[in-house]
Amino acid sequence: MNFKIKFLALIVSLLLSSTVYCQYSNKENLYFHFNEEIKDCVHDHLKLKLVKKNITQFNLCGKAVLLSSNNLSIDTLSMEKLKSFNFSKANDIDEIVTAWRESNEQSLKIYYNGVYPFFDKNAMFNTYIVEVIENQNCIVVYSVTWAREGAVAFNN
């Protein structure tokens, strides 16, 4: 009998704790046009696409460092699809983050019982890099995460 009570208490505590750690899911999609972001960058070392063993790193002229796991699927689309994307600018990311926080503040407080939690960009946005491949007349869309944000990391 004592074992059953302890087991039931364990199950109840696990269920309650799992609801505390679940993610708020009102994420917005952000698209960055890689070629446009680095076009006017005067520092070559800040406008790179670096392919490593497990990740591809995109540096947007020092304004953002974004990582794409090489294990994820990458979309290759025709050049005509480029017009369908609503691109954000890396220069505007602070304003975009502030707008997201303001528009989600009330629902976050309700979701987290009056507490306004810290959120990083990986928790706020589904972020994508769109790269134009001129010689192949196509675009490539990478799902990326923000470097040095939250617990997301890839092994090199």
C-alpha atoms as a PDB file:
ATOM      1  CA  MET A   1       0.000   0.000   0.000  1.00  0.00           C
ATOM      2  CA  ASN A   2       2.820   2.401   0.921  1.00  0.00           C
ATOM      3  CA  PHE A   3       4.507   1.688  -2.443  1.00  0.00           C
ATOM      4  CA  LYS A   4       1.294   2.508  -4.360  1.00  0.00           C
ATOM      5  CA  ILE A   5       0.944   5.874  -2.601  1.00  0.00           C
ATOM      6  CA  LYS A   6       4.580   6.784  -3.316  1.00  0.00           C
ATOM      7  CA  PHE A   7       4.216   5.672  -6.930  1.00  0.00           C
ATOM      8  CA  LEU A   8       1.027   7.717  -7.355  1.00  0.00           C
ATOM      9  CA  ALA A   9       2.701  10.763  -5.769  1.00  0.00           C
ATOM     10  CA  LEU A  10       5.633  10.375  -8.181  1.00  0.00           C
ATOM     11  CA  ILE A  11       3.328  10.210 -11.201  1.00  0.00           C
ATOM     12  CA  VAL A  12       1.342  13.263 -10.070  1.00  0.00           C
ATOM     13  CA  SER A  13       4.514  15.282  -9.435  1.00  0.00           C
ATOM     14  CA  LEU A  14       5.898  14.334 -12.863  1.00  0.00           C
ATOM     15  CA  LEU A  15       2.681  15.422 -14.549  1.00  0.00           C
ATOM     16  CA  LEU A  16       2.639  18.731 -12.701  1.00  0.00           C
ATOM     17  CA  SER A  17       6.305  19.464 -13.390  1.00  0.00           C
ATOM     18  CA  SER A  18       5.953  18.642 -17.096  1.00  0.00           C
ATOM     19  CA  THR A  19       3.353  21.377 -17.514  1.00  0.00           C
ATOM     20  CA  VAL A  20       5.711  23.893 -15.904  1.00  0.00           C
ATOM     21  CA  TYR A  21       8.509  23.184 -18.400  1.00  0.00           C
ATOM     22  CA  CYS A  22       6.470  23.046 -21.579  1.00  0.00           C
ATOM     23  CA  GLN A  23       7.262  25.685 -24.201  1.00  0.00           C
ATOM     24  CA  TYR A  24       5.063  28.611 -25.098  1.00  0.00           C
ATOM     25  CA  SER A  25       4.388  28.078 -28.769  1.00  0.00           C
ATOM     26  CA  ASN A  26       3.428  31.458 -30.249  1.00  0.00           C
ATOM     27  CA  LYS A  27       6.485  31.586 -32.488  1.00  0.00           C
ATOM     28  CA  GLU A  28       6.737  33.876 -35.488  1.00  0.00           C
ATOM     29  CA  ASN A  29       8.633  33.077 -38.665  1.00  0.00           C
ATOM     30  CA  LEU A  30      11.662  35.238 -39.499  1.00  0.00           C
ATOM     31  CA  TYR A  31      13.319  35.084 -42.902  1.00  0.00           C
ATOM     32  CA  PHE A  32      16.695  36.670 -43.643  1.00  0.00           C
ATOM     33  CA  HIS A  33      17.958  37.139 -47.203  1.00  0.00           C
ATOM     34  CA  PHE A  34      21.589  36.064 -46.791  1.00  0.00           C
ATOM     35  CA  ASN A  35      22.853  37.667 -50.005  1.00  0.00           C
ATOM     36  CA  GLU A  36      21.235  41.027 -49.183  1.00  0.00           C
ATOM     37  CA  GLU A  37      22.409  40.993 -45.549  1.00  0.00           C
ATOM     38  CA  ILE A  38      26.067  40.642 -46.530  1.00  0.00           C
ATOM     39  CA  LYS A  39      25.993  42.671 -49.764  1.00  0.00           C
ATOM     40  CA  ASP A  40      27.171  45.988 -48.253  1.00  0.00           C
ATOM     41  CA  CYS A  41      29.315  44.505 -45.480  1.00  0.00           C
ATOM     42  CA  VAL A  42      32.848  45.937 -45.634  1.00  0.00           C
ATOM     43  CA  HIS A  43      34.392  43.257 -43.397  1.00  0.00           C
ATOM     44  CA  ASP A  44      34.956  39.984 -45.238  1.00  0.00           C
ATOM     45  CA  HIS A  45      35.292  37.973 -42.022  1.00  0.00           C
ATOM     46  CA  LEU A  46      31.799  39.147 -40.938  1.00  0.00           C
ATOM     47  CA  LYS A  47      29.959  38.043 -44.080  1.00  0.00           C
ATOM     48  CA  LEU A  48      30.535  34.391 -44.310  1.00  0.00           C
ATOM     49  CA  LYS A  49      28.893  31.060 -44.691  1.00  0.00           C
ATOM     50  CA  LEU A  50      31.090  28.513 -42.952  1.00  0.00           C
ATOM     51  CA  VAL A  51      30.348  24.821 -43.462  1.00  0.00           C
ATOM     52  CA  LYS A  52      31.714  22.601 -40.697  1.00  0.00           C
ATOM     53  CA  LYS A  53      31.281  18.908 -39.993  1.00  0.00           C
ATOM     54  CA  ASN A  54      27.810  19.062 -38.394  1.00  0.00           C
ATOM     55  CA  ILE A  55      26.737  22.680 -38.883  1.00  0.00           C
ATOM     56  CA  THR A  56      26.621  25.521 -41.345  1.00  0.00           C
ATOM     57  CA  GLN A  57      27.265  28.904 -39.751  1.00  0.00           C
ATOM     58  CA  PHE A  58      25.920  32.114 -41.255  1.00  0.00           C
ATOM     59  CA  ASN A  59      27.392  35.408 -40.074  1.00  0.00           C
ATOM     60  CA  LEU A  60      25.248  38.400 -41.106  1.00  0.00           C
ATOM     61  CA  CYS A  61      27.941  41.081 -41.070  1.00  0.00           C
ATOM     62  CA  GLY A  62      28.347  40.850 -37.293  1.00  0.00           C
ATOM     63  CA  LYS A  63      24.653  41.544 -36.589  1.00  0.00           C
ATOM     64  CA  ALA A  64      23.692  37.898 -36.107  1.00  0.00           C
ATOM     65  CA  VAL A  65      25.292  34.474 -36.132  1.00  0.00           C
ATOM     66  CA  LEU A  66      22.894  31.727 -37.159  1.00  0.00           C
ATOM     67  CA  LEU A  67      23.475  27.972 -37.201  1.00  0.00           C
ATOM     68  CA  SER A  68      21.924  25.273 -39.349  1.00  0.00           C
ATOM     69  CA  SER A  69      22.382  21.616 -38.533  1.00  0.00           C
ATOM     70  CA  ASN A  70      23.657  19.705 -41.558  1.00  0.00           C
ATOM     71  CA  ASN A  71      21.359  16.861 -40.478  1.00  0.00           C
ATOM     72  CA  LEU A  72      18.239  18.927 -41.225  1.00  0.00           C
ATOM     73  CA  SER A  73      16.593  18.916 -44.607  1.00  0.00           C
ATOM     74  CA  ILE A  74      17.175  21.983 -46.757  1.00  0.00           C
ATOM     75  CA  ASP A  75      14.589  23.300 -49.204  1.00  0.00           C
ATOM     76  CA  THR A  76      15.760  24.173 -52.699  1.00  0.00           C
ATOM     77  CA  LEU A  77      13.217  26.272 -54.575  1.00  0.00           C
ATOM     78  CA  SER A  78      12.969  28.034 -57.897  1.00  0.00           C
ATOM     79  CA  MET A  79      14.058  31.665 -58.101  1.00  0.00           C
ATOM     80  CA  GLU A  80      10.425  32.728 -58.615  1.00  0.00           C
ATOM     81  CA  LYS A  81       9.616  31.787 -54.989  1.00  0.00           C
ATOM     82  CA  LEU A  82      11.968  34.500 -53.702  1.00  0.00           C
ATOM     83  CA  LYS A  83       9.216  37.112 -54.074  1.00  0.00           C
ATOM     84  CA  SER A  84       6.908  35.171 -51.746  1.00  0.00           C
ATOM     85  CA  PHE A  85       9.116  35.681 -48.668  1.00  0.00           C
ATOM     86  CA  ASN A  86       8.649  38.571 -46.266  1.00  0.00           C
ATOM     87  CA  PHE A  87      12.241  39.296 -45.260  1.00  0.00           C
ATOM     88  CA  SER A  88      13.389  40.851 -42.006  1.00  0.00           C
ATOM     89  CA  LYS A  89      16.597  42.820 -41.639  1.00  0.00           C
ATOM     90  CA  ALA A  90      19.231  41.857 -39.072  1.00  0.00           C
ATOM     91  CA  ASN A  91      19.558  45.586 -38.248  1.00  0.00           C
ATOM     92  CA  ASP A  92      15.937  45.540 -37.056  1.00  0.00           C
ATOM     93  CA  ILE A  93      16.151  42.506 -34.763  1.00  0.00           C
ATOM     94  CA  ASP A  94      15.993  44.528 -31.536  1.00  0.00           C
ATOM     95  CA  GLU A  95      12.744  46.165 -32.673  1.00  0.00           C
ATOM     96  CA  ILE A  96      11.354  42.792 -33.821  1.00  0.00           C
ATOM     97  CA  VAL A  97      12.132  41.216 -30.428  1.00  0.00           C
ATOM     98  CA  THR A  98      10.547  44.156 -28.581  1.00  0.00           C
ATOM     99  CA  ALA A  99       7.412  43.960 -30.742  1.00  0.00           C
ATOM    100  CA  TRP A 100       7.126  40.199 -30.114  1.00  0.00           C
ATOM    101  CA  ARG A 101       7.462  40.691 -26.353  1.00  0.00           C
ATOM    102  CA  GLU A 102       4.843  43.456 -26.319  1.00  0.00           C
ATOM    103  CA  SER A 103       2.343  41.526 -28.438  1.00  0.00           C
ATOM    104  CA  ASN A 104       2.758  38.338 -26.367  1.00  0.00           C
ATOM    105  CA  GLU A 105       3.117  39.818 -22.869  1.00  0.00           C
ATOM    106  CA  GLN A 106      -0.481  39.302 -21.777  1.00  0.00           C
ATOM    107  CA  SER A 107      -0.800  35.753 -23.088  1.00  0.00           C
ATOM    108  CA  LEU A 108       2.607  34.853 -21.588  1.00  0.00           C
ATOM    109  CA  LYS A 109       1.515  36.090 -18.170  1.00  0.00           C
ATOM    110  CA  ILE A 110      -1.674  34.033 -18.437  1.00  0.00           C
ATOM    111  CA  TYR A 111       0.218  30.964 -19.677  1.00  0.00           C
ATOM    112  CA  TYR A 112       2.826  31.196 -16.895  1.00  0.00           C
ATOM    113  CA  ASN A 113       0.423  32.203 -14.092  1.00  0.00           C
ATOM    114  CA  GLY A 114       1.390  35.859 -13.784  1.00  0.00           C
ATOM    115  CA  VAL A 115       5.120  35.436 -14.344  1.00  0.00           C
ATOM    116  CA  TYR A 116       6.702  36.982 -17.422  1.00  0.00           C
ATOM    117  CA  PRO A 117       9.506  34.552 -18.339  1.00  0.00           C
ATOM    118  CA  PHE A 118      12.767  35.255 -20.111  1.00  0.00           C
ATOM    119  CA  PHE A 119      12.672  34.207 -23.746  1.00  0.00           C
ATOM    120  CA  ASP A 120      15.552  34.080 -26.180  1.00  0.00           C
ATOM    121  CA  LYS A 121      15.249  34.411 -29.948  1.00  0.00           C
ATOM    122  CA  ASN A 122      15.139  30.639 -30.453  1.00  0.00           C
ATOM    123  CA  ALA A 123      12.031  30.444 -28.258  1.00  0.00           C
ATOM    124  CA  MET A 124      10.390  33.447 -29.969  1.00  0.00           C
ATOM    125  CA  PHE A 125      11.032  32.731 -33.630  1.00  0.00           C
ATOM    126  CA  ASN A 126      11.289  30.030 -36.244  1.00  0.00           C
ATOM    127  CA  THR A 127      14.217  31.527 -38.134  1.00  0.00           C
ATOM    128  CA  TYR A 128      15.256  30.829 -41.723  1.00  0.00           C
ATOM    129  CA  ILE A 129      18.094  31.924 -43.992  1.00  0.00           C
ATOM    130  CA  VAL A 130      17.274  32.222 -47.676  1.00  0.00           C
ATOM    131  CA  GLU A 131      20.338  32.091 -49.918  1.00  0.00           C
ATOM    132  CA  VAL A 132      20.295  32.802 -53.642  1.00  0.00           C
ATOM    133  CA  ILE A 133      22.470  30.432 -55.674  1.00  0.00           C
ATOM    134  CA  GLU A 134      22.991  32.484 -58.847  1.00  0.00           C
ATOM    135  CA  ASN A 135      24.821  29.896 -60.948  1.00  0.00           C
ATOM    136  CA  GLN A 136      22.039  27.346 -60.366  1.00  0.00           C
ATOM    137  CA  ASN A 137      19.180  29.862 -60.661  1.00  0.00           C
ATOM    138  CA  CYS A 138      17.578  28.712 -57.402  1.00  0.00           C
ATOM    139  CA  ILE A 139      17.209  29.626 -53.739  1.00  0.00           C
ATOM    140  CA  VAL A 140      18.036  27.513 -50.701  1.00  0.00           C
ATOM    141  CA  VAL A 141      16.087  27.844 -47.452  1.00  0.00           C
ATOM    142  CA  TYR A 142      17.869  26.802 -44.248  1.00  0.00           C
ATOM    143  CA  SER A 143      16.164  26.357 -40.888  1.00  0.00           C
ATOM    144  CA  VAL A 144      18.538  28.037 -38.414  1.00  0.00           C
ATOM    145  CA  THR A 145      18.960  28.748 -34.726  1.00  0.00           C
ATOM    146  CA  TRP A 146      20.520  31.789 -33.114  1.00  0.00           C
ATOM    147  CA  ALA A 147      24.038  31.175 -31.815  1.00  0.00           C
ATOM    148  CA  ARG A 148      24.632  31.872 -28.114  1.00  0.00           C
ATOM    149  CA  GLU A 149      20.884  31.875 -27.360  1.00  0.00           C
ATOM    150  CA  GLY A 150      19.296  29.373 -25.008  1.00  0.00           C
ATOM    151  CA  ALA A 151      20.389  25.780 -24.790  1.00  0.00           C
ATOM    152  CA  VAL A 152      20.547  25.079 -28.531  1.00  0.00           C
ATOM    153  CA  ALA A 153      23.969  23.904 -29.610  1.00  0.00           C
ATOM    154  CA  PHE A 154      25.455  21.669 -32.251  1.00  0.00           C
ATOM    155  CA  ASN A 155      28.622  19.622 -31.918  1.00  0.00           C
ATOM    156  CA  ASN A 156      31.367  20.719 -34.296  1.00  0.00           C
END
